[in-house]
Amino acid sequence: KKGETTLVARVGWECYRVPAGGVACYRSKDLKN
């Protein structure tokens, strides 16, 4: 989630979005670092 949040006004609900940035990957051995 990166960039300006905008509202797709033509949709009948609160359709807030940012440009699709893809999928990030992180790794950890202890779920902490």
Full PDB file with SEQRES, HELIX, SHEET, SSBOND, CRYST1, ORIGX, SCALE, CONECT and MASTER records, all heavy atoms in Angstrom:
SEQRES   1 A   33  LYS LYS GLY GLU THR THR LEU VAL ALA ARG VAL GLY TRP          
SEQRES   2 A   33  GLU CYS TYR ARG VAL PRO ALA GLY GLY VAL ALA CYS TYR          
SEQRES   3 A   33  ARG SER LYS ASP LEU LYS ASN                                  
CRYST1    1.000    1.000    1.000  90.00  90.00  90.00 P 1           1          
ORIGX1      1.000000  0.000000  0.000000        0.00000                         
ORIGX2      0.000000  1.000000  0.000000        0.00000                         
ORIGX3      0.000000  0.000000  1.000000        0.00000                         
SCALE1      1.000000  0.000000  0.000000        0.00000                         
SCALE2      0.000000  1.000000  0.000000        0.00000                         
SCALE3      0.000000  0.000000  1.000000        0.00000                         
ATOM      1  N   LYS A   1       0.856  -1.177   0.000  1.00  0.00           N  
ATOM      2  CA  LYS A   1       0.000   0.000   0.000  1.00  0.00           C  
ATOM      3  C   LYS A   1       0.897   1.232   0.000  1.00  0.00           C  
ATOM      4  O   LYS A   1       1.530   1.550   1.010  1.00  0.00           O  
ATOM      5  CB  LYS A   1      -0.906   0.011   1.240  1.00  0.00           C  
ATOM      6  CG  LYS A   1      -1.872  -1.152   1.345  1.00  0.00           C  
ATOM      7  CD  LYS A   1      -2.946  -1.098   0.274  1.00  0.00           C  
ATOM      8  CE  LYS A   1      -4.059  -2.079   0.559  1.00  0.00           C  
ATOM      9  NZ  LYS A   1      -4.998  -2.184  -0.587  1.00  0.00           N  
ATOM     10  N   LYS A   2       0.960   1.919  -1.128  1.00  0.00           N  
ATOM     11  CA  LYS A   2       1.851   3.068  -1.232  1.00  0.00           C  
ATOM     12  C   LYS A   2       1.256   4.088  -2.196  1.00  0.00           C  
ATOM     13  O   LYS A   2       0.742   3.725  -3.244  1.00  0.00           O  
ATOM     14  CB  LYS A   2       3.237   2.641  -1.721  1.00  0.00           C  
ATOM     15  CG  LYS A   2       4.304   3.726  -1.615  1.00  0.00           C  
ATOM     16  CD  LYS A   2       5.675   3.177  -1.914  1.00  0.00           C  
ATOM     17  CE  LYS A   2       6.753   4.234  -1.783  1.00  0.00           C  
ATOM     18  NZ  LYS A   2       6.838   4.782  -0.412  1.00  0.00           N  
ATOM     19  N   GLY A   3       1.322   5.340  -1.807  1.00  0.00           N  
ATOM     20  CA  GLY A   3       0.801   6.402  -2.659  1.00  0.00           C  
ATOM     21  C   GLY A   3      -0.462   7.008  -2.087  1.00  0.00           C  
ATOM     22  O   GLY A   3      -0.943   6.650  -1.007  1.00  0.00           O  
ATOM     23  N   GLU A   4      -1.013   7.937  -2.841  1.00  0.00           N  
ATOM     24  CA  GLU A   4      -2.178   8.678  -2.392  1.00  0.00           C  
ATOM     25  C   GLU A   4      -3.424   7.798  -2.395  1.00  0.00           C  
ATOM     26  O   GLU A   4      -3.682   7.050  -3.332  1.00  0.00           O  
ATOM     27  CB  GLU A   4      -2.413   9.880  -3.305  1.00  0.00           C  
ATOM     28  CG  GLU A   4      -3.595  10.739  -2.914  1.00  0.00           C  
ATOM     29  CD  GLU A   4      -3.851  11.875  -3.890  1.00  0.00           C  
ATOM     30  OE1 GLU A   4      -3.094  11.978  -4.885  1.00  0.00           O  
ATOM     31  OE2 GLU A   4      -4.798  12.657  -3.652  1.00  0.00           O  
ATOM     32  N   THR A   5      -4.190   7.907  -1.327  1.00  0.00           N  
ATOM     33  CA  THR A   5      -5.465   7.208  -1.249  1.00  0.00           C  
ATOM     34  C   THR A   5      -6.535   8.040  -1.945  1.00  0.00           C  
ATOM     35  O   THR A   5      -6.674   9.242  -1.681  1.00  0.00           O  
ATOM     36  CB  THR A   5      -5.867   6.977   0.213  1.00  0.00           C  
ATOM     37  OG1 THR A   5      -4.893   6.144   0.840  1.00  0.00           O  
ATOM     38  CG2 THR A   5      -7.227   6.306   0.317  1.00  0.00           C  
ATOM     39  N   THR A   6      -7.286   7.408  -2.842  1.00  0.00           N  
ATOM     40  CA  THR A   6      -8.344   8.098  -3.562  1.00  0.00           C  
ATOM     41  C   THR A   6      -9.660   7.333  -3.397  1.00  0.00           C  
ATOM     42  O   THR A   6      -9.668   6.155  -3.053  1.00  0.00           O  
ATOM     43  CB  THR A   6      -8.011   8.226  -5.062  1.00  0.00           C  
ATOM     44  OG1 THR A   6      -7.804   6.916  -5.613  1.00  0.00           O  
ATOM     45  CG2 THR A   6      -6.764   9.070  -5.267  1.00  0.00           C  
ATOM     46  N   LEU A   7     -10.746   8.021  -3.677  1.00  0.00           N  
ATOM     47  CA  LEU A   7     -12.077   7.441  -3.590  1.00  0.00           C  
ATOM     48  C   LEU A   7     -12.632   7.254  -4.989  1.00  0.00           C  
ATOM     49  O   LEU A   7     -12.669   8.204  -5.783  1.00  0.00           O  
ATOM     50  CB  LEU A   7     -13.003   8.350  -2.773  1.00  0.00           C  
ATOM     51  CG  LEU A   7     -14.475   7.930  -2.682  1.00  0.00           C  
ATOM     52  CD1 LEU A   7     -14.610   6.625  -1.920  1.00  0.00           C  
ATOM     53  CD2 LEU A   7     -15.298   9.026  -2.021  1.00  0.00           C  
ATOM     54  N   VAL A   8     -13.056   6.029  -5.313  1.00  0.00           N  
ATOM     55  CA  VAL A   8     -13.715   5.766  -6.586  1.00  0.00           C  
ATOM     56  C   VAL A   8     -15.163   6.195  -6.408  1.00  0.00           C  
ATOM     57  O   VAL A   8     -16.004   5.437  -5.911  1.00  0.00           O  
ATOM     58  CB  VAL A   8     -13.600   4.276  -6.971  1.00  0.00           C  
ATOM     59  CG1 VAL A   8     -14.244   4.029  -8.334  1.00  0.00           C  
ATOM     60  CG2 VAL A   8     -12.137   3.844  -6.998  1.00  0.00           C  
ATOM     61  N   ALA A   9     -15.459   7.407  -6.827  1.00  0.00           N  
ATOM     62  CA  ALA A   9     -16.721   8.046  -6.468  1.00  0.00           C  
ATOM     63  C   ALA A   9     -17.934   7.396  -7.120  1.00  0.00           C  
ATOM     64  O   ALA A   9     -19.036   7.437  -6.570  1.00  0.00           O  
ATOM     65  CB  ALA A   9     -16.670   9.531  -6.835  1.00  0.00           C  
ATOM     66  N   ARG A  10     -17.751   6.775  -8.299  1.00  0.00           N  
ATOM     67  CA  ARG A  10     -18.915   6.237  -9.003  1.00  0.00           C  
ATOM     68  C   ARG A  10     -19.460   4.958  -8.367  1.00  0.00           C  
ATOM     69  O   ARG A  10     -20.529   4.478  -8.743  1.00  0.00           O  
ATOM     70  CB  ARG A  10     -18.564   5.961 -10.468  1.00  0.00           C  
ATOM     71  CG  ARG A  10     -17.587   4.815 -10.673  1.00  0.00           C  
ATOM     72  CD  ARG A  10     -17.350   4.561 -12.151  1.00  0.00           C  
ATOM     73  NE  ARG A  10     -16.474   3.445 -12.388  1.00  0.00           N  
ATOM     74  CZ  ARG A  10     -15.154   3.504 -12.400  1.00  0.00           C  
ATOM     75  NH1 ARG A  10     -14.557   4.670 -12.151  1.00  0.00           N  
ATOM     76  NH2 ARG A  10     -14.422   2.438 -12.641  1.00  0.00           N  
ATOM     77  N   VAL A  11     -18.700   4.398  -7.426  1.00  0.00           N  
ATOM     78  CA  VAL A  11     -19.127   3.180  -6.752  1.00  0.00           C  
ATOM     79  C   VAL A  11     -20.023   3.551  -5.580  1.00  0.00           C  
ATOM     80  O   VAL A  11     -19.810   4.560  -4.909  1.00  0.00           O  
ATOM     81  CB  VAL A  11     -17.898   2.363  -6.280  1.00  0.00           C  
ATOM     82  CG1 VAL A  11     -18.336   1.088  -5.591  1.00  0.00           C  
ATOM     83  CG2 VAL A  11     -17.005   2.053  -7.470  1.00  0.00           C  
ATOM     84  N   GLY A  12     -21.018   2.738  -5.301  1.00  0.00           N  
ATOM     85  CA  GLY A  12     -22.008   3.076  -4.294  1.00  0.00           C  
ATOM     86  C   GLY A  12     -21.611   2.771  -2.872  1.00  0.00           C  
ATOM     87  O   GLY A  12     -22.472   2.677  -1.999  1.00  0.00           O  
ATOM     88  N   TRP A  13     -20.328   2.561  -2.606  1.00  0.00           N  
ATOM     89  CA  TRP A  13     -19.846   2.378  -1.243  1.00  0.00           C  
ATOM     90  C   TRP A  13     -18.494   3.063  -1.133  1.00  0.00           C  
ATOM     91  O   TRP A  13     -17.971   3.582  -2.113  1.00  0.00           O  
ATOM     92  CB  TRP A  13     -19.741   0.887  -0.887  1.00  0.00           C  
ATOM     93  CG  TRP A  13     -18.923   0.072  -1.836  1.00  0.00           C  
ATOM     94  CD1 TRP A  13     -19.328  -0.486  -3.008  1.00  0.00           C  
ATOM     95  CD2 TRP A  13     -17.537  -0.260  -1.715  1.00  0.00           C  
ATOM     96  NE1 TRP A  13     -18.297  -1.146  -3.626  1.00  0.00           N  
ATOM     97  CE2 TRP A  13     -17.188  -1.034  -2.843  1.00  0.00           C  
ATOM     98  CE3 TRP A  13     -16.555   0.004  -0.752  1.00  0.00           C  
ATOM     99  CZ2 TRP A  13     -15.894  -1.521  -3.049  1.00  0.00           C  
ATOM    100  CZ3 TRP A  13     -15.273  -0.487  -0.953  1.00  0.00           C  
ATOM    101  CH2 TRP A  13     -14.968  -1.237  -2.087  1.00  0.00           C  
ATOM    102  N   GLU A  14     -17.922   3.113   0.060  1.00  0.00           N  
ATOM    103  CA  GLU A  14     -16.676   3.848   0.268  1.00  0.00           C  
ATOM    104  C   GLU A  14     -15.493   3.074  -0.311  1.00  0.00           C  
ATOM    105  O   GLU A  14     -14.740   2.417   0.409  1.00  0.00           O  
ATOM    106  CB  GLU A  14     -16.471   4.109   1.757  1.00  0.00           C  
ATOM    107  CG  GLU A  14     -17.493   5.081   2.328  1.00  0.00           C  
ATOM    108  CD  GLU A  14     -17.212   5.375   3.793  1.00  0.00           C  
ATOM    109  OE1 GLU A  14     -16.970   4.421   4.549  1.00  0.00           O  
ATOM    110  OE2 GLU A  14     -17.223   6.546   4.172  1.00  0.00           O  
ATOM    111  N   CYS A  15     -15.317   3.201  -1.604  1.00  0.00           N  
ATOM    112  CA  CYS A  15     -14.276   2.444  -2.316  1.00  0.00           C  
ATOM    113  C   CYS A  15     -12.978   3.249  -2.347  1.00  0.00           C  
ATOM    114  O   CYS A  15     -12.624   3.864  -3.350  1.00  0.00           O  
ATOM    115  CB  CYS A  15     -14.746   2.114  -3.733  1.00  0.00           C  
ATOM    116  SG  CYS A  15     -13.621   1.045  -4.649  1.00  0.00           S  
ATOM    117  N   TYR A  16     -12.271   3.245  -1.220  1.00  0.00           N  
ATOM    118  CA  TYR A  16     -10.972   3.907  -1.137  1.00  0.00           C  
ATOM    119  C   TYR A  16      -9.893   2.953  -1.614  1.00  0.00           C  
ATOM    120  O   TYR A  16      -9.938   1.748  -1.343  1.00  0.00           O  
ATOM    121  CB  TYR A  16     -10.681   4.344   0.300  1.00  0.00           C  
ATOM    122  CG  TYR A  16     -11.531   5.506   0.763  1.00  0.00           C  
ATOM    123  CD1 TYR A  16     -12.681   5.288   1.515  1.00  0.00           C  
ATOM    124  CD2 TYR A  16     -11.183   6.812   0.445  1.00  0.00           C  
ATOM    125  CE1 TYR A  16     -13.465   6.353   1.946  1.00  0.00           C  
ATOM    126  CE2 TYR A  16     -11.956   7.884   0.870  1.00  0.00           C  
ATOM    127  CZ  TYR A  16     -13.098   7.644   1.623  1.00  0.00           C  
ATOM    128  OH  TYR A  16     -13.862   8.700   2.038  1.00  0.00           O  
ATOM    129  N   ARG A  17      -8.893   3.480  -2.321  1.00  0.00           N  
ATOM    130  CA  ARG A  17      -7.846   2.613  -2.852  1.00  0.00           C  
ATOM    131  C   ARG A  17      -6.576   3.418  -3.102  1.00  0.00           C  
ATOM    132  O   ARG A  17      -6.594   4.653  -3.154  1.00  0.00           O  
ATOM    133  CB  ARG A  17      -8.297   1.933  -4.143  1.00  0.00           C  
ATOM    134  CG  ARG A  17      -8.551   2.889  -5.309  1.00  0.00           C  
ATOM    135  CD  ARG A  17      -8.985   2.153  -6.567  1.00  0.00           C  
ATOM    136  NE  ARG A  17      -8.049   1.100  -6.912  1.00  0.00           N  
ATOM    137  CZ  ARG A  17      -6.921   1.286  -7.574  1.00  0.00           C  
ATOM    138  NH1 ARG A  17      -6.546   2.504  -7.955  1.00  0.00           N  
ATOM    139  NH2 ARG A  17      -6.125   0.264  -7.856  1.00  0.00           N  
ATOM    140  N   VAL A  18      -5.477   2.707  -3.232  1.00  0.00           N  
ATOM    141  CA  VAL A  18      -4.218   3.256  -3.715  1.00  0.00           C  
ATOM    142  C   VAL A  18      -3.823   2.463  -4.954  1.00  0.00           C  
ATOM    143  O   VAL A  18      -4.357   1.376  -5.195  1.00  0.00           O  
ATOM    144  CB  VAL A  18      -3.097   3.156  -2.651  1.00  0.00           C  
ATOM    145  CG1 VAL A  18      -3.399   4.033  -1.455  1.00  0.00           C  
ATOM    146  CG2 VAL A  18      -2.885   1.713  -2.230  1.00  0.00           C  
ATOM    147  N   PRO A  19      -2.883   2.961  -5.769  1.00  0.00           N  
ATOM    148  CA  PRO A  19      -2.428   2.158  -6.903  1.00  0.00           C  
ATOM    149  C   PRO A  19      -1.912   0.800  -6.433  1.00  0.00           C  
ATOM    150  O   PRO A  19      -1.212   0.709  -5.414  1.00  0.00           O  
ATOM    151  CB  PRO A  19      -1.303   3.007  -7.510  1.00  0.00           C  
ATOM    152  CG  PRO A  19      -1.625   4.412  -7.102  1.00  0.00           C  
ATOM    153  CD  PRO A  19      -2.245   4.299  -5.745  1.00  0.00           C  
ATOM    154  N   ALA A  20      -2.265  -0.253  -7.148  1.00  0.00           N  
ATOM    155  CA  ALA A  20      -1.813  -1.591  -6.777  1.00  0.00           C  
ATOM    156  C   ALA A  20      -0.295  -1.675  -6.906  1.00  0.00           C  
ATOM    157  O   ALA A  20       0.256  -1.510  -7.994  1.00  0.00           O  
ATOM    158  CB  ALA A  20      -2.485  -2.638  -7.658  1.00  0.00           C  
ATOM    159  N   GLY A  21       0.383  -1.939  -5.786  1.00  0.00           N  
ATOM    160  CA  GLY A  21       1.842  -1.923  -5.770  1.00  0.00           C  
ATOM    161  C   GLY A  21       2.482  -3.287  -5.875  1.00  0.00           C  
ATOM    162  O   GLY A  21       3.699  -3.409  -5.778  1.00  0.00           O  
ATOM    163  N   GLY A  22       1.668  -4.335  -6.033  1.00  0.00           N  
ATOM    164  CA  GLY A  22       2.218  -5.685  -6.074  1.00  0.00           C  
ATOM    165  C   GLY A  22       2.249  -6.317  -4.701  1.00  0.00           C  
ATOM    166  O   GLY A  22       1.583  -5.863  -3.762  1.00  0.00           O  
ATOM    167  N   VAL A  23       3.058  -7.374  -4.587  1.00  0.00           N  
ATOM    168  CA  VAL A  23       3.121  -8.169  -3.361  1.00  0.00           C  
ATOM    169  C   VAL A  23       4.544  -8.142  -2.803  1.00  0.00           C  
ATOM    170  O   VAL A  23       5.498  -8.479  -3.508  1.00  0.00           O  
ATOM    171  CB  VAL A  23       2.692  -9.620  -3.630  1.00  0.00           C  
ATOM    172  CG1 VAL A  23       2.829 -10.467  -2.366  1.00  0.00           C  
ATOM    173  CG2 VAL A  23       1.260  -9.663  -4.161  1.00  0.00           C  
ATOM    174  N   ALA A  24       4.667  -7.749  -1.550  1.00  0.00           N  
ATOM    175  CA  ALA A  24       5.965  -7.721  -0.871  1.00  0.00           C  
ATOM    176  C   ALA A  24       6.231  -9.046  -0.179  1.00  0.00           C  
ATOM    177  O   ALA A  24       5.300  -9.758   0.208  1.00  0.00           O  
ATOM    178  CB  ALA A  24       6.009  -6.591   0.143  1.00  0.00           C  
ATOM    179  N   CYS A  25       7.525  -9.364   0.000  1.00  0.00           N  
ATOM    180  CA  CYS A  25       7.918 -10.577   0.721  1.00  0.00           C  
ATOM    181  C   CYS A  25       8.966 -10.234   1.768  1.00  0.00           C  
ATOM    182  O   CYS A  25       9.954  -9.541   1.482  1.00  0.00           O  
ATOM    183  CB  CYS A  25       8.468 -11.617  -0.248  1.00  0.00           C  
ATOM    184  SG  CYS A  25       9.021 -13.153   0.549  1.00  0.00           S  
ATOM    185  N   TYR A  26       8.755 -10.725   2.991  1.00  0.00           N  
ATOM    186  CA  TYR A  26       9.693 -10.594   4.100  1.00  0.00           C  
ATOM    187  C   TYR A  26       9.946 -11.991   4.666  1.00  0.00           C  
ATOM    188  O   TYR A  26       9.125 -12.898   4.495  1.00  0.00           O  
ATOM    189  CB  TYR A  26       9.109  -9.712   5.206  1.00  0.00           C  
ATOM    190  CG  TYR A  26       8.824  -8.285   4.800  1.00  0.00           C  
ATOM    191  CD1 TYR A  26       7.676  -7.971   4.073  1.00  0.00           C  
ATOM    192  CD2 TYR A  26       9.682  -7.255   5.152  1.00  0.00           C  
ATOM    193  CE1 TYR A  26       7.399  -6.660   3.698  1.00  0.00           C  
ATOM    194  CE2 TYR A  26       9.417  -5.940   4.788  1.00  0.00           C  
ATOM    195  CZ  TYR A  26       8.277  -5.649   4.063  1.00  0.00           C  
ATOM    196  OH  TYR A  26       8.013  -4.347   3.697  1.00  0.00           O  
ATOM    197  N   ARG A  27      11.073 -12.145   5.366  1.00  0.00           N  
ATOM    198  CA  ARG A  27      11.303 -13.430   6.021  1.00  0.00           C  
ATOM    199  C   ARG A  27      11.864 -13.224   7.418  1.00  0.00           C  
ATOM    200  O   ARG A  27      12.493 -12.204   7.730  1.00  0.00           O  
ATOM    201  CB  ARG A  27      12.239 -14.319   5.197  1.00  0.00           C  
ATOM    202  CG  ARG A  27      13.692 -13.901   5.180  1.00  0.00           C  
ATOM    203  CD  ARG A  27      14.531 -14.910   4.404  1.00  0.00           C  
ATOM    204  NE  ARG A  27      15.938 -14.511   4.378  1.00  0.00           N  
ATOM    205  CZ  ARG A  27      16.892 -15.164   3.725  1.00  0.00           C  
ATOM    206  NH1 ARG A  27      16.588 -16.260   3.036  1.00  0.00           N  
ATOM    207  NH2 ARG A  27      18.146 -14.750   3.776  1.00  0.00           N  
ATOM    208  N   SER A  28      11.629 -14.236   8.263  1.00  0.00           N  
ATOM    209  CA  SER A  28      12.047 -14.172   9.660  1.00  0.00           C  
ATOM    210  C   SER A  28      12.221 -15.581  10.191  1.00  0.00           C  
ATOM    211  O   SER A  28      11.517 -16.505   9.764  1.00  0.00           O  
ATOM    212  CB  SER A  28      10.991 -13.425  10.486  1.00  0.00           C  
ATOM    213  OG  SER A  28      11.275 -13.484  11.866  1.00  0.00           O  
ATOM    214  N   LYS A  29      13.132 -15.750  11.136  1.00  0.00           N  
ATOM    215  CA  LYS A  29      13.276 -17.037  11.817  1.00  0.00           C  
ATOM    216  C   LYS A  29      12.482 -17.094  13.113  1.00  0.00           C  
ATOM    217  O   LYS A  29      12.193 -18.182  13.606  1.00  0.00           O  
ATOM    218  CB  LYS A  29      14.754 -17.321  12.116  1.00  0.00           C  
ATOM    219  CG  LYS A  29      15.571 -17.733  10.893  1.00  0.00           C  
ATOM    220  CD  LYS A  29      16.958 -18.194  11.287  1.00  0.00           C  
ATOM    221  CE  LYS A  29      17.722 -18.738  10.083  1.00  0.00           C  
ATOM    222  NZ  LYS A  29      19.075 -19.238  10.452  1.00  0.00           N  
ATOM    223  N   ASP A  30      12.126 -15.910  13.650  1.00  0.00           N  
ATOM    224  CA  ASP A  30      11.512 -15.883  14.978  1.00  0.00           C  
ATOM    225  C   ASP A  30      10.175 -15.136  15.032  1.00  0.00           C  
ATOM    226  O   ASP A  30       9.634 -14.933  16.115  1.00  0.00           O  
ATOM    227  CB  ASP A  30      12.482 -15.248  15.986  1.00  0.00           C  
ATOM    228  CG  ASP A  30      12.908 -13.837  15.586  1.00  0.00           C  
ATOM    229  OD1 ASP A  30      12.346 -13.280  14.615  1.00  0.00           O  
ATOM    230  OD2 ASP A  30      13.812 -13.288  16.250  1.00  0.00           O  
ATOM    231  N   LEU A  31       9.652 -14.719  13.870  1.00  0.00           N  
ATOM    232  CA  LEU A  31       8.417 -13.944  13.777  1.00  0.00           C  
ATOM    233  C   LEU A  31       8.538 -12.564  14.417  1.00  0.00           C  
ATOM    234  O   LEU A  31       7.550 -11.849  14.558  1.00  0.00           O  
ATOM    235  CB  LEU A  31       7.230 -14.700  14.416  1.00  0.00           C  
ATOM    236  CG  LEU A  31       6.822 -16.006  13.749  1.00  0.00           C  
ATOM    237  CD1 LEU A  31       5.780 -16.746  14.601  1.00  0.00           C  
ATOM    238  CD2 LEU A  31       6.259 -15.756  12.354  1.00  0.00           C  
ATOM    239  N   LYS A  32       9.758 -12.193  14.728  1.00  0.00           N  
ATOM    240  CA  LYS A  32       9.997 -10.899  15.373  1.00  0.00           C  
ATOM    241  C   LYS A  32      10.846  -9.989  14.495  1.00  0.00           C  
ATOM    242  O   LYS A  32      10.525  -8.812  14.321  1.00  0.00           O  
ATOM    243  CB  LYS A  32      10.686 -11.115  16.728  1.00  0.00           C  
ATOM    244  CG  LYS A  32      11.046  -9.829  17.453  1.00  0.00           C  
ATOM    245  CD  LYS A  32      11.752 -10.137  18.770  1.00  0.00           C  
ATOM    246  CE  LYS A  32      12.175  -8.856  19.469  1.00  0.00           C  
ATOM    247  NZ  LYS A  32      12.881  -9.123  20.743  1.00  0.00           N  
ATOM    248  N   ASN A  33      11.926 -10.534  13.944  1.00  0.00           N  
ATOM    249  CA  ASN A  33      12.857  -9.751  13.132  1.00  0.00           C  
ATOM    250  C   ASN A  33      12.631 -10.107  11.660  1.00  0.00           C  
ATOM    251  O   ASN A  33      12.876 -11.245  11.239  1.00  0.00           O  
ATOM    252  CB  ASN A  33      14.295 -10.059  13.540  1.00  0.00           C  
ATOM    253  CG  ASN A  33      14.555  -9.728  15.000  1.00  0.00           C  
ATOM    254  OD1 ASN A  33      14.614  -8.565  15.376  1.00  0.00           O  
ATOM    255  ND2 ASN A  33      14.688 -10.752  15.837  1.00  0.00           N  
TER     256      ASN A  33                                                      
MASTER        0    0    0    0    0    0    0    6  255    1    0    3          
END                                                                             
